[in-house]
C-alpha atoms as a PDB file:
ATOM      1  CA  MET A   1      21.947  61.232 -31.373  1.00  0.00           C
ATOM      2  CA  GLN A   2      21.726  58.197 -29.095  1.00  0.00           C
ATOM      3  CA  LYS A   3      20.079  55.098 -30.499  1.00  0.00           C
ATOM      4  CA  ASN A   4      17.739  54.095 -27.688  1.00  0.00           C
ATOM      5  CA  ILE A   5      14.725  52.786 -29.602  1.00  0.00           C
ATOM      6  CA  GLU A   6      14.637  49.015 -29.928  1.00  0.00           C
ATOM      7  CA  VAL A   7      13.093  47.979 -33.244  1.00  0.00           C
ATOM      8  CA  GLU A   8      12.234  44.302 -33.149  1.00  0.00           C
ATOM      9  CA  VAL A   9      10.323  41.462 -34.800  1.00  0.00           C
ATOM     10  CA  ARG A  10       9.821  37.932 -33.496  1.00  0.00           C
ATOM     11  CA  GLY A  11       8.610  34.528 -34.540  1.00  0.00           C
ATOM     12  CA  ARG A  12       8.172  31.022 -33.143  1.00  0.00           C
ATOM     13  CA  LEU A  13      10.478  28.170 -34.135  1.00  0.00           C
ATOM     14  CA  SER A  14       9.747  24.468 -34.211  1.00  0.00           C
ATOM     15  CA  ASP A  15      12.469  22.227 -32.783  1.00  0.00           C
ATOM     16  CA  GLU A  16      13.599  21.373 -36.321  1.00  0.00           C
ATOM     17  CA  LYS A  17      13.523  25.004 -37.454  1.00  0.00           C
ATOM     18  CA  TYR A  18      15.548  26.070 -34.415  1.00  0.00           C
ATOM     19  CA  GLU A  19      18.277  23.548 -35.215  1.00  0.00           C
ATOM     20  CA  LYS A  20      18.357  24.604 -38.883  1.00  0.00           C
ATOM     21  CA  LEU A  21      18.498  28.302 -37.994  1.00  0.00           C
ATOM     22  CA  LEU A  22      21.209  27.707 -35.399  1.00  0.00           C
ATOM     23  CA  ALA A  23      23.303  25.815 -37.976  1.00  0.00           C
ATOM     24  CA  PHE A  24      22.743  28.587 -40.541  1.00  0.00           C
ATOM     25  CA  MET A  25      23.816  31.299 -38.104  1.00  0.00           C
ATOM     26  CA  LYS A  26      26.911  29.368 -37.027  1.00  0.00           C
ATOM     27  CA  GLU A  27      27.954  29.103 -40.659  1.00  0.00           C
ATOM     28  CA  ASN A  28      26.951  32.533 -41.977  1.00  0.00           C
ATOM     29  CA  ALA A  29      26.794  34.992 -39.081  1.00  0.00           C
ATOM     30  CA  GLU A  30      29.069  36.374 -36.385  1.00  0.00           C
ATOM     31  CA  PHE A  31      28.522  34.698 -33.018  1.00  0.00           C
ATOM     32  CA  LEU A  32      28.196  37.302 -30.248  1.00  0.00           C
ATOM     33  CA  GLU A  33      27.378  35.487 -27.012  1.00  0.00           C
ATOM     34  CA  THR A  34      25.367  32.926 -25.098  1.00  0.00           C
ATOM     35  CA  LYS A  35      22.931  34.397 -22.580  1.00  0.00           C
ATOM     36  CA  LYS A  36      21.616  32.594 -19.519  1.00  0.00           C
ATOM     37  CA  ARG A  37      18.866  34.841 -18.230  1.00  0.00           C
ATOM     38  CA  LEU A  38      16.288  35.005 -15.455  1.00  0.00           C
ATOM     39  CA  LEU A  39      13.768  37.819 -15.610  1.00  0.00           C
ATOM     40  CA  LEU A  40      10.921  39.199 -13.542  1.00  0.00           C
ATOM     41  CA  ASP A  41       8.158  40.834 -15.587  1.00  0.00           C
ATOM     42  CA  TYR A  42       6.071  43.026 -13.302  1.00  0.00           C
ATOM     43  CA  SER A  43       3.935  44.596 -16.034  1.00  0.00           C
ATOM     44  CA  THR A  44       1.724  41.534 -16.473  1.00  0.00           C
ATOM     45  CA  PHE A  45       0.132  42.234 -13.090  1.00  0.00           C
ATOM     46  CA  LEU A  46      -0.024  46.040 -13.215  1.00  0.00           C
ATOM     47  CA  PRO A  47      -3.483  47.627 -13.589  1.00  0.00           C
ATOM     48  CA  GLY A  48      -4.021  48.754 -17.169  1.00  0.00           C
ATOM     49  CA  GLU A  49      -0.975  46.870 -18.479  1.00  0.00           C
ATOM     50  CA  GLY A  50      -1.181  43.049 -18.631  1.00  0.00           C
ATOM     51  CA  VAL A  51      -0.196  41.261 -21.841  1.00  0.00           C
ATOM     52  CA  LYS A  52      -2.078  42.917 -24.705  1.00  0.00           C
ATOM     53  CA  GLU A  53      -2.544  46.416 -23.333  1.00  0.00           C
ATOM     54  CA  ARG A  54       0.873  47.215 -21.919  1.00  0.00           C
ATOM     55  CA  THR A  55       2.730  50.392 -22.795  1.00  0.00           C
ATOM     56  CA  ARG A  56       5.321  50.010 -20.002  1.00  0.00           C
ATOM     57  CA  ASP A  57       7.523  46.969 -19.673  1.00  0.00           C
ATOM     58  CA  ILE A  58       8.894  47.015 -16.119  1.00  0.00           C
ATOM     59  CA  ARG A  59      11.422  44.295 -15.408  1.00  0.00           C
ATOM     60  CA  LEU A  60      14.352  43.129 -13.388  1.00  0.00           C
ATOM     61  CA  ARG A  61      16.659  40.610 -14.972  1.00  0.00           C
ATOM     62  CA  ILE A  62      19.977  38.901 -14.471  1.00  0.00           C
ATOM     63  CA  THR A  63      21.977  37.786 -17.491  1.00  0.00           C
ATOM     64  CA  ASN A  64      25.133  35.706 -17.102  1.00  0.00           C
ATOM     65  CA  GLY A  65      25.336  36.921 -13.511  1.00  0.00           C
ATOM     66  CA  GLN A  66      24.816  40.624 -14.357  1.00  0.00           C
ATOM     67  CA  PRO A  67      21.757  42.204 -12.657  1.00  0.00           C
ATOM     68  CA  GLU A  68      19.874  44.866 -14.574  1.00  0.00           C
ATOM     69  CA  ILE A  69      16.967  47.250 -14.129  1.00  0.00           C
ATOM     70  CA  ILE A  70      15.174  47.582 -17.445  1.00  0.00           C
ATOM     71  CA  THR A  71      12.132  49.536 -18.568  1.00  0.00           C
ATOM     72  CA  LYS A  72      10.769  49.634 -22.100  1.00  0.00           C
ATOM     73  CA  ILE A  73       8.275  52.326 -23.091  1.00  0.00           C
ATOM     74  CA  GLY A  74       5.736  51.701 -25.827  1.00  0.00           C
ATOM     75  CA  SER A  75       3.362  48.925 -26.844  1.00  0.00           C
ATOM     76  CA  TRP A  76       4.718  45.486 -27.656  1.00  0.00           C
ATOM     77  CA  GLY A  77       3.773  42.765 -30.104  1.00  0.00           C
ATOM     78  CA  GLY A  78       5.080  40.799 -33.057  1.00  0.00           C
ATOM     79  CA  LYS A  79       6.401  44.070 -34.452  1.00  0.00           C
ATOM     80  CA  GLU A  80       7.471  46.794 -32.059  1.00  0.00           C
ATOM     81  CA  SER A  81       9.493  49.963 -31.569  1.00  0.00           C
ATOM     82  CA  ARG A  82      10.108  50.812 -27.932  1.00  0.00           C
ATOM     83  CA  LYS A  83      12.358  53.163 -26.021  1.00  0.00           C
ATOM     84  CA  GLU A  84      14.684  51.147 -23.816  1.00  0.00           C
ATOM     85  CA  LEU A  85      16.058  52.360 -20.476  1.00  0.00           C
ATOM     86  CA  SER A  86      18.588  50.055 -18.852  1.00  0.00           C
ATOM     87  CA  ILE A  87      20.831  50.263 -15.786  1.00  0.00           C
ATOM     88  CA  ASN A  88      23.304  47.541 -14.830  1.00  0.00           C
ATOM     89  CA  THR A  89      23.886  47.110 -11.115  1.00  0.00           C
ATOM     90  CA  GLU A  90      26.596  45.473  -9.050  1.00  0.00           C
ATOM     91  CA  LYS A  91      26.942  41.713  -9.378  1.00  0.00           C
ATOM     92  CA  GLY A  92      25.326  39.960  -6.426  1.00  0.00           C
ATOM     93  CA  SER A  93      22.680  42.695  -6.062  1.00  0.00           C
ATOM     94  CA  PHE A  94      19.697  41.013  -7.741  1.00  0.00           C
ATOM     95  CA  ASP A  95      17.941  39.985  -4.517  1.00  0.00           C
ATOM     96  CA  THR A  96      18.421  43.527  -3.208  1.00  0.00           C
ATOM     97  CA  LEU A  97      16.810  44.914  -6.377  1.00  0.00           C
ATOM     98  CA  VAL A  98      13.829  42.619  -5.825  1.00  0.00           C
ATOM     99  CA  GLN A  99      13.503  43.867  -2.248  1.00  0.00           C
ATOM    100  CA  ASN A 100      13.685  47.493  -3.406  1.00  0.00           C
ATOM    101  CA  TYR A 101      10.996  46.914  -6.015  1.00  0.00           C
ATOM    102  CA  ALA A 102       8.760  45.352  -3.351  1.00  0.00           C
ATOM    103  CA  VAL A 103       9.114  48.498  -1.220  1.00  0.00           C
ATOM    104  CA  LEU A 104       8.013  50.502  -4.289  1.00  0.00           C
ATOM    105  CA  GLY A 105       4.915  48.311  -4.598  1.00  0.00           C
ATOM    106  CA  TYR A 106       6.032  45.810  -7.231  1.00  0.00           C
ATOM    107  CA  LYS A 107       5.404  42.514  -5.460  1.00  0.00           C
ATOM    108  CA  LYS A 108       4.097  40.146  -8.130  1.00  0.00           C
ATOM    109  CA  ALA A 109       5.761  39.174 -11.388  1.00  0.00           C
ATOM    110  CA  ILE A 110       6.069  36.572 -14.077  1.00  0.00           C
ATOM    111  CA  LEU A 111       9.349  34.710 -13.552  1.00  0.00           C
ATOM    112  CA  ALA A 112      10.913  33.404 -16.745  1.00  0.00           C
ATOM    113  CA  VAL A 113      14.152  31.612 -17.597  1.00  0.00           C
ATOM    114  CA  ARG A 114      15.623  31.860 -21.090  1.00  0.00           C
ATOM    115  CA  ASN A 115      18.725  30.464 -22.810  1.00  0.00           C
ATOM    116  CA  THR A 116      19.778  32.442 -25.863  1.00  0.00           C
ATOM    117  CA  GLU A 117      22.362  32.218 -28.641  1.00  0.00           C
ATOM    118  CA  VAL A 118      23.046  35.653 -30.123  1.00  0.00           C
ATOM    119  CA  PHE A 119      24.420  36.356 -33.609  1.00  0.00           C
ATOM    120  CA  GLN A 120      25.029  39.342 -35.862  1.00  0.00           C
ATOM    121  CA  TYR A 121      23.749  38.803 -39.411  1.00  0.00           C
ATOM    122  CA  LYS A 122      23.469  41.560 -42.048  1.00  0.00           C
ATOM    123  CA  ASN A 123      23.781  44.219 -39.341  1.00  0.00           C
ATOM    124  CA  ILE A 124      20.867  42.691 -37.416  1.00  0.00           C
ATOM    125  CA  GLU A 125      21.088  41.062 -34.005  1.00  0.00           C
ATOM    126  CA  PHE A 126      19.412  37.667 -34.086  1.00  0.00           C
ATOM    127  CA  ALA A 127      18.611  36.002 -30.774  1.00  0.00           C
ATOM    128  CA  LEU A 128      17.681  32.313 -30.905  1.00  0.00           C
ATOM    129  CA  VAL A 129      15.814  31.731 -27.665  1.00  0.00           C
ATOM    130  CA  GLU A 130      15.129  28.492 -25.828  1.00  0.00           C
ATOM    131  CA  VAL A 131      12.280  28.373 -23.323  1.00  0.00           C
ATOM    132  CA  PRO A 132      13.615  25.416 -21.298  1.00  0.00           C
ATOM    133  CA  GLY A 133      11.398  22.356 -21.563  1.00  0.00           C
ATOM    134  CA  HIS A 134       8.859  24.110 -23.774  1.00  0.00           C
ATOM    135  CA  SER A 135       9.676  25.785 -27.101  1.00  0.00           C
ATOM    136  CA  TYR A 136      11.890  28.085 -29.165  1.00  0.00           C
ATOM    137  CA  TYR A 137      11.516  31.485 -30.771  1.00  0.00           C
ATOM    138  CA  PHE A 138      13.707  34.116 -32.403  1.00  0.00           C
ATOM    139  CA  GLU A 139      14.076  37.862 -32.097  1.00  0.00           C
ATOM    140  CA  ALA A 140      15.597  40.113 -34.770  1.00  0.00           C
ATOM    141  CA  GLU A 141      16.422  43.647 -33.710  1.00  0.00           C
ATOM    142  CA  ARG A 142      18.328  46.812 -34.393  1.00  0.00           C
ATOM    143  CA  MET A 143      18.616  49.947 -32.301  1.00  0.00           C
ATOM    144  CA  ALA A 144      17.391  53.174 -33.873  1.00  0.00           C
ATOM    145  CA  VAL A 145      16.836  56.876 -33.373  1.00  0.00           C
ATOM    146  CA  SER A 146      13.371  58.389 -33.647  1.00  0.00           C
ATOM    147  CA  GLY A 147      12.149  58.488 -37.237  1.00  0.00           C
ATOM    148  CA  GLU A 148      14.001  55.366 -38.412  1.00  0.00           C
ATOM    149  CA  GLU A 149      11.542  52.812 -37.095  1.00  0.00           C
ATOM    150  CA  GLU A 150       9.538  51.945 -40.228  1.00  0.00           C
ATOM    151  CA  LYS A 151      12.621  51.801 -42.439  1.00  0.00           C
ATOM    152  CA  ILE A 152      14.325  49.401 -40.052  1.00  0.00           C
ATOM    153  CA  HIS A 153      11.183  47.323 -39.603  1.00  0.00           C
ATOM    154  CA  GLU A 154      11.102  46.829 -43.366  1.00  0.00           C
ATOM    155  CA  GLU A 155      14.774  45.788 -43.373  1.00  0.00           C
ATOM    156  CA  LEU A 156      14.141  43.289 -40.565  1.00  0.00           C
ATOM    157  CA  ARG A 157      11.136  41.794 -42.354  1.00  0.00           C
ATOM    158  CA  ASN A 158      13.039  41.498 -45.649  1.00  0.00           C
ATOM    159  CA  VAL A 159      16.019  39.694 -44.107  1.00  0.00           C
ATOM    160  CA  CYS A 160      13.751  37.345 -42.132  1.00  0.00           C
ATOM    161  CA  GLU A 161      11.872  36.533 -45.322  1.00  0.00           C
ATOM    162  CA  GLU A 162      15.173  35.820 -47.118  1.00  0.00           C
ATOM    163  CA  ILE A 163      16.039  33.127 -44.571  1.00  0.00           C
ATOM    164  CA  ASP A 164      12.513  31.700 -44.426  1.00  0.00           C
ATOM    165  CA  LEU A 165      11.514  32.973 -40.995  1.00  0.00           C
ATOM    166  CA  VAL A 166       7.829  33.542 -40.251  1.00  0.00           C
ATOM    167  CA  LEU A 167       6.987  36.539 -38.044  1.00  0.00           C
ATOM    168  CA  PHE A 168       4.336  36.796 -35.359  1.00  0.00           C
ATOM    169  CA  ASP A 169       1.472  39.168 -35.921  1.00  0.00           C
ATOM    170  CA  ASN A 170       0.313  40.886 -32.743  1.00  0.00           C
ATOM    171  CA  GLU A 171      -2.420  38.376 -31.918  1.00  0.00           C
ATOM    172  CA  GLY A 172      -0.109  35.427 -32.517  1.00  0.00           C
ATOM    173  CA  PHE A 173       2.514  36.992 -30.269  1.00  0.00           C
ATOM    174  CA  TYR A 174       0.041  37.669 -27.441  1.00  0.00           C
ATOM    175  CA  ALA A 175      -1.288  34.109 -27.694  1.00  0.00           C
ATOM    176  CA  TYR A 176       2.260  32.742 -27.414  1.00  0.00           C
ATOM    177  CA  ILE A 177       3.039  34.887 -24.356  1.00  0.00           C
ATOM    178  CA  GLU A 178      -0.156  33.693 -22.674  1.00  0.00           C
ATOM    179  CA  GLU A 179       0.797  30.086 -23.537  1.00  0.00           C
ATOM    180  CA  LEU A 180       4.232  30.575 -21.974  1.00  0.00           C
ATOM    181  CA  ASN A 181       2.691  32.105 -18.863  1.00  0.00           C
ATOM    182  CA  ARG A 182       0.392  29.073 -18.495  1.00  0.00           C
ATOM    183  CA  GLU A 183       2.854  26.331 -19.375  1.00  0.00           C
ATOM    184  CA  ALA A 184       6.473  27.447 -18.907  1.00  0.00           C
ATOM    185  CA  ASN A 185       6.809  30.553 -16.762  1.00  0.00           C
ATOM    186  CA  GLU A 186       6.139  30.892 -13.034  1.00  0.00           C
ATOM    187  CA  VAL A 187       4.410  33.469 -10.871  1.00  0.00           C
ATOM    188  CA  PHE A 188       6.713  35.085  -8.327  1.00  0.00           C
ATOM    189  CA  GLU A 189       5.150  36.708  -5.260  1.00  0.00           C
ATOM    190  CA  TYR A 190       7.349  38.694  -2.936  1.00  0.00           C
ATOM    191  CA  LYS A 191       5.654  37.256   0.144  1.00  0.00           C
ATOM    192  CA  ASN A 192       7.515  34.017  -0.650  1.00  0.00           C
ATOM    193  CA  HIS A 193      10.905  35.736  -0.953  1.00  0.00           C
ATOM    194  CA  THR A 194      13.619  34.794   1.527  1.00  0.00           C
ATOM    195  CA  GLU A 195      17.242  35.911   1.829  1.00  0.00           C
ATOM    196  CA  GLY A 196      19.250  34.661  -1.140  1.00  0.00           C
ATOM    197  CA  TYR A 197      16.095  33.430  -2.907  1.00  0.00           C
ATOM    198  CA  PHE A 198      17.335  34.050  -6.424  1.00  0.00           C
ATOM    199  CA  ASP A 199      20.897  32.937  -5.796  1.00  0.00           C
ATOM    200  CA  LYS A 200      19.414  29.569  -4.805  1.00  0.00           C
ATOM    201  CA  TYR A 201      16.926  29.555  -7.698  1.00  0.00           C
ATOM    202  CA  ILE A 202      19.619  30.252 -10.296  1.00  0.00           C
ATOM    203  CA  GLY A 203      21.927  27.674  -8.728  1.00  0.00           C
ATOM    204  CA  ASN A 204      19.219  25.009  -8.780  1.00  0.00           C
ATOM    205  CA  HIS A 205      18.361  25.792 -12.386  1.00  0.00           C
ATOM    206  CA  ALA A 206      22.010  25.603 -13.433  1.00  0.00           C
ATOM    207  CA  GLU A 207      22.290  22.193 -11.779  1.00  0.00           C
ATOM    208  CA  ILE A 208      19.242  20.944 -13.688  1.00  0.00           C
ATOM    209  CA  GLU A 209      20.775  22.174 -16.960  1.00  0.00           C
ATOM    210  CA  LYS A 210      24.041  20.420 -16.125  1.00  0.00           C
ATOM    211  CA  GLN A 211      22.226  17.158 -15.445  1.00  0.00           C
ATOM    212  CA  LYS A 212      20.423  17.402 -18.797  1.00  0.00           C
ATOM    213  CA  LEU A 213      23.734  17.869 -20.604  1.00  0.00           C
ATOM    214  CA  ASN A 214      25.259  14.896 -18.814  1.00  0.00           C
ATOM    215  CA  ARG A 215      22.355  12.671 -19.900  1.00  0.00           C
ATOM    216  CA  LYS A 216      22.839  13.533 -23.585  1.00  0.00           C
END
């Protein structure tokens, strides 16, 4: 049976806690990859969805140059179990995906940029996420088949507790998302889209990151 249910918990990290957790993972876990990601979250602006009420997570994203259509089904929060449907598309096709979604009626989205270090620890995927210029958080997840969700949630909670990680409850998670939407994320409206919009956006962002590294 295919494991297509994403079981996940999350929590916020202070700058100091992020550095300590990153050092711990480098020493004790298997490093998997670094992800540079831009995503468009359309669900925030869909009637009946938004932040707290959503049961459909409709997104486009591009990770390390790989465009992807992704939909997650089920409610989200500090603790969640959602069915994940994902399709990778041809590299260089992200702007075309955005145009296709606009034709389907998806014309307004939250635009977010994330930098992530991913590790495998005790059979759990830990993602240490940087919201550039704002804050850090972590995600701990495992994929499951139907019926395994509560068992895996308990395993995730226990391992997080072992390494002194504090989890969001639902209200804390929603408050953090709303904070990010106010202070770190952007609103993308398709009426402002031009040819090559996201190629230019990603290129500009990469240049800013490079300049930050050079100043260190």
